Amino acid sequence: MSVVGTCPSCGERVTDADGAPARSQKVPWHFWVFAGAAVVYLGWRLVQGLWMLIT
């Protein structure tokens, strides 16, 4: 399904079994945990690199 809710091969609007338009899936919670851990890690590595430059 494309971002606008259409089939990529035929272009027809995709619906759920009950006839309602299909909704996009949300990003899983564990992606945000990973992204937060990556930001913390890279931030700490930046602090360590700057500390090495000034000492």
C-alpha atoms as a PDB file:
ATOM      1  CA  MET A   1       0.000   0.000   0.000  1.00  0.00           C
ATOM      2  CA  SER A   2       1.339   3.416  -0.873  1.00  0.00           C
ATOM      3  CA  VAL A   3       1.408   6.400   1.465  1.00  0.00           C
ATOM      4  CA  VAL A   4      -1.888   7.727   0.074  1.00  0.00           C
ATOM      5  CA  GLY A   5      -3.652   4.367   0.549  1.00  0.00           C
ATOM      6  CA  THR A   6      -3.693   3.024  -2.992  1.00  0.00           C
ATOM      7  CA  CYS A   7      -2.503  -0.274  -4.422  1.00  0.00           C
ATOM      8  CA  PRO A   8       0.925   0.147  -6.085  1.00  0.00           C
ATOM      9  CA  SER A   9       0.089  -2.186  -8.987  1.00  0.00           C
ATOM     10  CA  CYS A  10      -3.451  -1.141  -9.969  1.00  0.00           C
ATOM     11  CA  GLY A  11      -3.896   2.249  -8.247  1.00  0.00           C
ATOM     12  CA  GLU A  12      -7.213   1.280  -6.620  1.00  0.00           C
ATOM     13  CA  ARG A  13      -8.027   2.544  -3.115  1.00  0.00           C
ATOM     14  CA  VAL A  14      -7.294  -0.107  -0.448  1.00  0.00           C
ATOM     15  CA  THR A  15      -9.950  -0.785   2.214  1.00  0.00           C
ATOM     16  CA  ASP A  16     -10.228  -2.980   5.320  1.00  0.00           C
ATOM     17  CA  ALA A  17     -12.539  -5.997   5.486  1.00  0.00           C
ATOM     18  CA  ASP A  18     -15.363  -3.812   6.852  1.00  0.00           C
ATOM     19  CA  GLY A  19     -15.070  -1.356   3.943  1.00  0.00           C
ATOM     20  CA  ALA A  20     -13.312   1.401   5.887  1.00  0.00           C
ATOM     21  CA  PRO A  21     -10.222   2.929   4.263  1.00  0.00           C
ATOM     22  CA  ALA A  22      -7.019   1.221   5.390  1.00  0.00           C
ATOM     23  CA  ARG A  23      -4.819   3.214   7.727  1.00  0.00           C
ATOM     24  CA  SER A  24      -1.037   3.351   7.748  1.00  0.00           C
ATOM     25  CA  GLN A  25       0.715   1.458  10.500  1.00  0.00           C
ATOM     26  CA  LYS A  26       2.375   3.330  13.338  1.00  0.00           C
ATOM     27  CA  VAL A  27       6.086   3.085  13.994  1.00  0.00           C
ATOM     28  CA  PRO A  28       6.729   0.331  16.583  1.00  0.00           C
ATOM     29  CA  TRP A  29       7.656   1.411  20.114  1.00  0.00           C
ATOM     30  CA  HIS A  30      10.955  -0.471  20.039  1.00  0.00           C
ATOM     31  CA  PHE A  31      12.108   1.683  17.114  1.00  0.00           C
ATOM     32  CA  TRP A  32      11.855   4.741  19.370  1.00  0.00           C
ATOM     33  CA  VAL A  33      13.769   2.906  22.135  1.00  0.00           C
ATOM     34  CA  PHE A  34      16.534   2.136  19.658  1.00  0.00           C
ATOM     35  CA  ALA A  35      16.545   5.692  18.293  1.00  0.00           C
ATOM     36  CA  GLY A  36      16.767   7.127  21.822  1.00  0.00           C
ATOM     37  CA  ALA A  37      19.613   4.773  22.729  1.00  0.00           C
ATOM     38  CA  ALA A  38      21.459   5.743  19.541  1.00  0.00           C
ATOM     39  CA  VAL A  39      21.091   9.457  20.360  1.00  0.00           C
ATOM     40  CA  VAL A  40      22.386   8.921  23.908  1.00  0.00           C
ATOM     41  CA  TYR A  41      25.315   6.825  22.655  1.00  0.00           C
ATOM     42  CA  LEU A  42      26.308   9.247  19.912  1.00  0.00           C
ATOM     43  CA  GLY A  43      25.929  12.187  22.284  1.00  0.00           C
ATOM     44  CA  TRP A  44      28.264  10.520  24.767  1.00  0.00           C
ATOM     45  CA  ARG A  45      30.790   9.771  22.012  1.00  0.00           C
ATOM     46  CA  LEU A  46      30.637  13.442  20.993  1.00  0.00           C
ATOM     47  CA  VAL A  47      31.368  14.504  24.566  1.00  0.00           C
ATOM     48  CA  GLN A  48      34.305  12.086  24.717  1.00  0.00           C
ATOM     49  CA  GLY A  49      35.690  13.377  21.407  1.00  0.00           C
ATOM     50  CA  LEU A  50      35.440  16.997  22.490  1.00  0.00           C
ATOM     51  CA  TRP A  51      37.052  16.143  25.819  1.00  0.00           C
ATOM     52  CA  MET A  52      39.994  14.548  23.987  1.00  0.00           C
ATOM     53  CA  LEU A  53      40.424  17.697  21.871  1.00  0.00           C
ATOM     54  CA  ILE A  54      40.631  20.082  24.805  1.00  0.00           C
ATOM     55  CA  THR A  55      42.962  17.944  26.996  1.00  0.00           C
END
